[in-house]
Amino acid sequence: MEQYFAHKALLVTICIGAVAGLFAQMFVPGKGFGIVPTIVIGIIGCYLGNMFISHYLTMIDNKTLKDIVSGTLGAMVLSLVINIFRIGSPKHKDKTKWRNNA
């Protein structure tokens, strides 16, 4: 039974991470990554945010909301770090058309 809850928690982390990655892509300035890398960044950021950030969010009582906020913050930090290392890449084009009003 415990293994069932572990798999359920993993699926919830993946789903919340996908949403958090999309939120982080909207909030963080820089070049766009595309939909699949954004979701992967969100999943990794959600996992890292739940490990490190969620313990400090004591003002939020709802666990789902706390997971979304910590996941979004983790994805934003991860996205910023990736954008810092991608600055020197001149071949990269912005993949988010809505930022260019196109």
N, C-alpha and C. Protein backbone atom coordinates (compact mmCIF):
# COMPACT_ATOMS: atom_id res chain seq x y z
N MET A 1 0.82 -1.19 0.00
CA MET A 1 0.00 0.00 0.00
C MET A 1 0.86 1.26 0.00
N GLU A 2 1.97 1.19 0.68
CA GLU A 2 2.87 2.35 0.74
C GLU A 2 3.47 2.66 -0.63
N GLN A 3 3.70 1.64 -1.43
CA GLN A 3 4.25 1.83 -2.76
C GLN A 3 3.23 2.55 -3.66
N TYR A 4 1.96 2.30 -3.46
CA TYR A 4 0.91 2.97 -4.21
C TYR A 4 0.96 4.48 -3.96
N PHE A 5 1.11 4.87 -2.70
CA PHE A 5 1.15 6.28 -2.37
C PHE A 5 2.42 6.94 -2.88
N ALA A 6 3.51 6.20 -2.96
CA ALA A 6 4.75 6.75 -3.51
C ALA A 6 4.58 7.04 -5.00
N HIS A 7 3.94 6.14 -5.73
CA HIS A 7 3.69 6.37 -7.15
C HIS A 7 2.71 7.51 -7.36
N LYS A 8 1.72 7.59 -6.49
CA LYS A 8 0.75 8.67 -6.59
C LYS A 8 1.42 10.02 -6.36
N ALA A 9 2.32 10.10 -5.39
CA ALA A 9 3.04 11.34 -5.12
C ALA A 9 3.93 11.71 -6.30
N LEU A 10 4.53 10.73 -6.97
CA LEU A 10 5.36 10.99 -8.13
C LEU A 10 4.52 11.55 -9.29
N LEU A 11 3.35 10.98 -9.51
CA LEU A 11 2.46 11.48 -10.57
C LEU A 11 1.97 12.90 -10.28
N VAL A 12 1.67 13.18 -9.02
CA VAL A 12 1.24 14.52 -8.65
C VAL A 12 2.39 15.50 -8.85
N THR A 13 3.61 15.11 -8.51
CA THR A 13 4.77 15.98 -8.71
C THR A 13 4.99 16.25 -10.19
N ILE A 14 4.81 15.25 -11.04
CA ILE A 14 4.98 15.45 -12.48
C ILE A 14 3.91 16.40 -13.02
N CYS A 15 2.67 16.23 -12.61
CA CYS A 15 1.59 17.10 -13.10
C CYS A 15 1.77 18.53 -12.60
N ILE A 16 2.06 18.69 -11.33
CA ILE A 16 2.27 20.04 -10.79
C ILE A 16 3.52 20.65 -11.40
N GLY A 17 4.54 19.84 -11.66
CA GLY A 17 5.76 20.34 -12.28
C GLY A 17 5.53 20.85 -13.68
N ALA A 18 4.67 20.19 -14.44
CA ALA A 18 4.36 20.66 -15.78
C ALA A 18 3.68 22.03 -15.73
N VAL A 19 2.74 22.21 -14.83
CA VAL A 19 2.07 23.49 -14.68
C VAL A 19 3.05 24.54 -14.16
N ALA A 20 3.89 24.16 -13.21
CA ALA A 20 4.86 25.10 -12.65
C ALA A 20 5.88 25.54 -13.70
N GLY A 21 6.26 24.65 -14.59
CA GLY A 21 7.18 25.01 -15.66
C GLY A 21 6.57 26.03 -16.61
N LEU A 22 5.30 25.87 -16.91
CA LEU A 22 4.62 26.84 -17.77
C LEU A 22 4.49 28.19 -17.07
N PHE A 23 4.19 28.19 -15.77
CA PHE A 23 4.13 29.45 -15.02
C PHE A 23 5.51 30.11 -14.97
N ALA A 24 6.54 29.33 -14.72
CA ALA A 24 7.89 29.88 -14.63
C ALA A 24 8.34 30.47 -15.97
N GLN A 25 7.94 29.84 -17.07
CA GLN A 25 8.31 30.36 -18.39
C GLN A 25 7.64 31.71 -18.64
N MET A 26 6.44 31.91 -18.09
CA MET A 26 5.76 33.19 -18.26
C MET A 26 6.40 34.29 -17.42
N PHE A 27 6.91 33.95 -16.24
CA PHE A 27 7.40 34.95 -15.30
C PHE A 27 8.88 35.29 -15.49
N VAL A 28 9.68 34.35 -15.92
CA VAL A 28 11.13 34.55 -16.01
C VAL A 28 11.49 35.18 -17.35
N PRO A 29 12.20 36.30 -17.33
CA PRO A 29 12.62 36.90 -18.60
C PRO A 29 13.73 36.09 -19.24
N GLY A 30 13.84 36.18 -20.54
CA GLY A 30 14.89 35.47 -21.25
C GLY A 30 14.34 34.75 -22.45
N LYS A 31 15.16 33.93 -23.04
CA LYS A 31 14.77 33.20 -24.23
C LYS A 31 13.86 32.04 -23.87
N GLY A 32 12.96 31.71 -24.77
CA GLY A 32 12.05 30.60 -24.56
C GLY A 32 12.73 29.28 -24.86
N PHE A 33 12.25 28.22 -24.25
CA PHE A 33 12.86 26.90 -24.42
C PHE A 33 12.06 26.00 -25.34
N GLY A 34 10.78 26.23 -25.49
CA GLY A 34 9.90 25.31 -26.18
C GLY A 34 9.05 24.59 -25.16
N ILE A 35 8.03 23.88 -25.60
CA ILE A 35 7.07 23.29 -24.66
C ILE A 35 7.61 22.10 -23.90
N VAL A 36 8.31 21.20 -24.58
CA VAL A 36 8.81 19.99 -23.90
C VAL A 36 9.93 20.32 -22.90
N PRO A 37 10.95 21.12 -23.28
CA PRO A 37 11.96 21.48 -22.28
C PRO A 37 11.39 22.29 -21.12
N THR A 38 10.36 23.12 -21.39
CA THR A 38 9.74 23.88 -20.32
C THR A 38 9.06 22.96 -19.32
N ILE A 39 8.38 21.93 -19.79
CA ILE A 39 7.74 20.97 -18.89
C ILE A 39 8.78 20.18 -18.11
N VAL A 40 9.86 19.79 -18.76
CA VAL A 40 10.93 19.06 -18.07
C VAL A 40 11.58 19.95 -17.01
N ILE A 41 11.84 21.21 -17.34
CA ILE A 41 12.39 22.15 -16.35
C ILE A 41 11.42 22.32 -15.20
N GLY A 42 10.13 22.35 -15.49
CA GLY A 42 9.12 22.47 -14.43
C GLY A 42 9.09 21.25 -13.53
N ILE A 43 9.22 20.07 -14.09
CA ILE A 43 9.22 18.84 -13.28
C ILE A 43 10.44 18.80 -12.37
N ILE A 44 11.61 19.10 -12.94
CA ILE A 44 12.83 19.11 -12.13
C ILE A 44 12.77 20.22 -11.09
N GLY A 45 12.28 21.40 -11.49
CA GLY A 45 12.15 22.51 -10.55
C GLY A 45 11.15 22.22 -9.45
N CYS A 46 10.08 21.51 -9.78
CA CYS A 46 9.09 21.14 -8.77
C CYS A 46 9.68 20.17 -7.75
N TYR A 47 10.45 19.22 -8.24
CA TYR A 47 11.09 18.28 -7.33
C TYR A 47 12.08 19.00 -6.41
N LEU A 48 12.90 19.88 -7.00
CA LEU A 48 13.87 20.62 -6.18
C LEU A 48 13.17 21.61 -5.25
N GLY A 49 12.11 22.25 -5.74
CA GLY A 49 11.37 23.17 -4.89
C GLY A 49 10.69 22.49 -3.73
N ASN A 50 10.16 21.29 -3.95
CA ASN A 50 9.54 20.54 -2.86
C ASN A 50 10.59 20.06 -1.86
N MET A 51 11.80 19.83 -2.32
CA MET A 51 12.86 19.40 -1.40
C MET A 51 13.38 20.55 -0.55
N PHE A 52 13.57 21.74 -1.17
CA PHE A 52 14.27 22.81 -0.48
C PHE A 52 13.40 24.00 -0.08
N ILE A 53 12.39 24.34 -0.86
CA ILE A 53 11.65 25.58 -0.63
C ILE A 53 10.38 25.37 0.18
N SER A 54 9.71 24.24 0.03
CA SER A 54 8.39 24.07 0.65
C SER A 54 8.42 24.11 2.17
N HIS A 55 9.55 23.84 2.78
CA HIS A 55 9.64 23.88 4.25
C HIS A 55 9.58 25.32 4.77
N TYR A 56 9.95 26.29 3.93
CA TYR A 56 9.96 27.68 4.34
C TYR A 56 8.65 28.41 4.06
N LEU A 57 7.72 27.77 3.38
CA LEU A 57 6.43 28.39 3.08
C LEU A 57 5.42 28.05 4.17
N THR A 58 5.64 28.61 5.34
CA THR A 58 4.79 28.28 6.48
C THR A 58 3.47 29.05 6.46
N MET A 59 3.36 30.10 5.62
CA MET A 59 2.13 30.88 5.60
C MET A 59 1.03 30.23 4.78
N ILE A 60 1.36 29.16 4.03
CA ILE A 60 0.38 28.47 3.20
C ILE A 60 0.01 27.15 3.88
N ASP A 61 -1.27 26.96 4.15
CA ASP A 61 -1.71 25.74 4.83
C ASP A 61 -2.09 24.62 3.87
N ASN A 62 -2.56 24.95 2.69
CA ASN A 62 -3.00 23.96 1.71
C ASN A 62 -1.78 23.30 1.05
N LYS A 63 -1.69 21.97 1.13
CA LYS A 63 -0.52 21.27 0.61
C LYS A 63 -0.40 21.38 -0.90
N THR A 64 -1.51 21.33 -1.62
CA THR A 64 -1.46 21.42 -3.08
C THR A 64 -0.99 22.80 -3.52
N LEU A 65 -1.51 23.83 -2.88
CA LEU A 65 -1.08 25.19 -3.21
C LEU A 65 0.38 25.40 -2.85
N LYS A 66 0.80 24.82 -1.73
CA LYS A 66 2.21 24.92 -1.33
C LYS A 66 3.11 24.21 -2.34
N ASP A 67 2.67 23.08 -2.88
CA ASP A 67 3.44 22.37 -3.90
C ASP A 67 3.53 23.18 -5.19
N ILE A 68 2.44 23.82 -5.58
CA ILE A 68 2.45 24.63 -6.80
C ILE A 68 3.37 25.84 -6.64
N VAL A 69 3.29 26.52 -5.51
CA VAL A 69 4.13 27.70 -5.29
C VAL A 69 5.59 27.31 -5.20
N SER A 70 5.91 26.27 -4.44
CA SER A 70 7.32 25.86 -4.32
C SER A 70 7.83 25.30 -5.64
N GLY A 71 6.99 24.61 -6.38
CA GLY A 71 7.39 24.11 -7.70
C GLY A 71 7.65 25.22 -8.68
N THR A 72 6.79 26.24 -8.68
CA THR A 72 6.99 27.38 -9.57
C THR A 72 8.26 28.14 -9.20
N LEU A 73 8.50 28.34 -7.91
CA LEU A 73 9.72 29.01 -7.50
C LEU A 73 10.96 28.20 -7.86
N GLY A 74 10.90 26.89 -7.68
CA GLY A 74 12.02 26.04 -8.06
C GLY A 74 12.27 26.06 -9.56
N ALA A 75 11.20 26.04 -10.34
CA ALA A 75 11.34 26.09 -11.80
C ALA A 75 11.85 27.45 -12.25
N MET A 76 11.45 28.52 -11.56
CA MET A 76 11.95 29.84 -11.91
C MET A 76 13.45 29.95 -11.64
N VAL A 77 13.89 29.44 -10.51
CA VAL A 77 15.32 29.46 -10.20
C VAL A 77 16.10 28.62 -11.20
N LEU A 78 15.60 27.44 -11.51
CA LEU A 78 16.27 26.58 -12.48
C LEU A 78 16.29 27.23 -13.87
N SER A 79 15.21 27.88 -14.26
CA SER A 79 15.15 28.56 -15.54
C SER A 79 16.13 29.73 -15.59
N LEU A 80 16.25 30.47 -14.49
CA LEU A 80 17.23 31.55 -14.44
C LEU A 80 18.65 31.04 -14.58
N VAL A 81 18.96 29.95 -13.90
CA VAL A 81 20.30 29.37 -13.99
C VAL A 81 20.60 28.92 -15.42
N ILE A 82 19.63 28.29 -16.05
CA ILE A 82 19.82 27.84 -17.44
C ILE A 82 19.98 29.04 -18.36
N ASN A 83 19.21 30.10 -18.15
CA ASN A 83 19.34 31.29 -18.99
C ASN A 83 20.69 31.96 -18.81
N ILE A 84 21.25 31.92 -17.61
CA ILE A 84 22.57 32.50 -17.38
C ILE A 84 23.62 31.77 -18.19
N PHE A 85 23.54 30.44 -18.23
CA PHE A 85 24.54 29.68 -18.97
C PHE A 85 24.30 29.69 -20.48
N ARG A 86 23.11 30.11 -20.92
CA ARG A 86 22.82 30.14 -22.36
C ARG A 86 23.03 31.51 -22.98
N ILE A 87 23.53 32.48 -22.25
CA ILE A 87 23.69 33.83 -22.77
C ILE A 87 24.68 33.86 -23.92
N GLY A 88 25.74 33.10 -23.85
CA GLY A 88 26.77 33.13 -24.88
C GLY A 88 26.39 32.44 -26.17
N SER A 89 25.22 31.86 -26.26
CA SER A 89 24.81 31.12 -27.45
C SER A 89 24.13 32.06 -28.45
N PRO A 90 24.83 32.48 -29.54
CA PRO A 90 24.23 33.42 -30.48
C PRO A 90 23.24 32.78 -31.45
N LYS A 91 23.24 31.45 -31.59
CA LYS A 91 22.36 30.77 -32.53
C LYS A 91 20.95 30.57 -32.00
N HIS A 92 20.75 30.84 -30.73
CA HIS A 92 19.46 30.56 -30.10
C HIS A 92 18.44 31.64 -30.46
N LYS A 93 17.26 31.23 -30.86
CA LYS A 93 16.16 32.14 -31.18
C LYS A 93 15.10 32.05 -30.11
N ASP A 94 14.40 33.13 -29.91
CA ASP A 94 13.32 33.15 -28.93
C ASP A 94 12.14 32.36 -29.49
N LYS A 95 11.71 31.32 -28.76
CA LYS A 95 10.65 30.45 -29.24
C LYS A 95 9.26 30.86 -28.72
N THR A 96 9.21 31.89 -27.92
CA THR A 96 7.93 32.36 -27.41
C THR A 96 7.48 33.55 -28.24
N LYS A 97 6.54 33.33 -29.14
CA LYS A 97 6.08 34.36 -30.06
C LYS A 97 5.28 35.45 -29.37
N TRP A 98 4.62 35.12 -28.26
CA TRP A 98 3.76 36.09 -27.60
C TRP A 98 4.57 37.22 -26.97
N ARG A 99 5.86 37.01 -26.70
CA ARG A 99 6.69 38.09 -26.16
C ARG A 99 7.02 39.12 -27.22
N ASN A 100 7.02 38.75 -28.48
CA ASN A 100 7.35 39.66 -29.57
C ASN A 100 6.12 40.27 -30.21
N ASN A 101 4.95 40.06 -29.62
CA ASN A 101 3.68 40.54 -30.15
C ASN A 101 3.43 40.06 -31.58
N ALA A 102 3.83 38.82 -31.86
CA ALA A 102 3.63 38.26 -33.21
C ALA A 102 2.50 37.27 -33.22
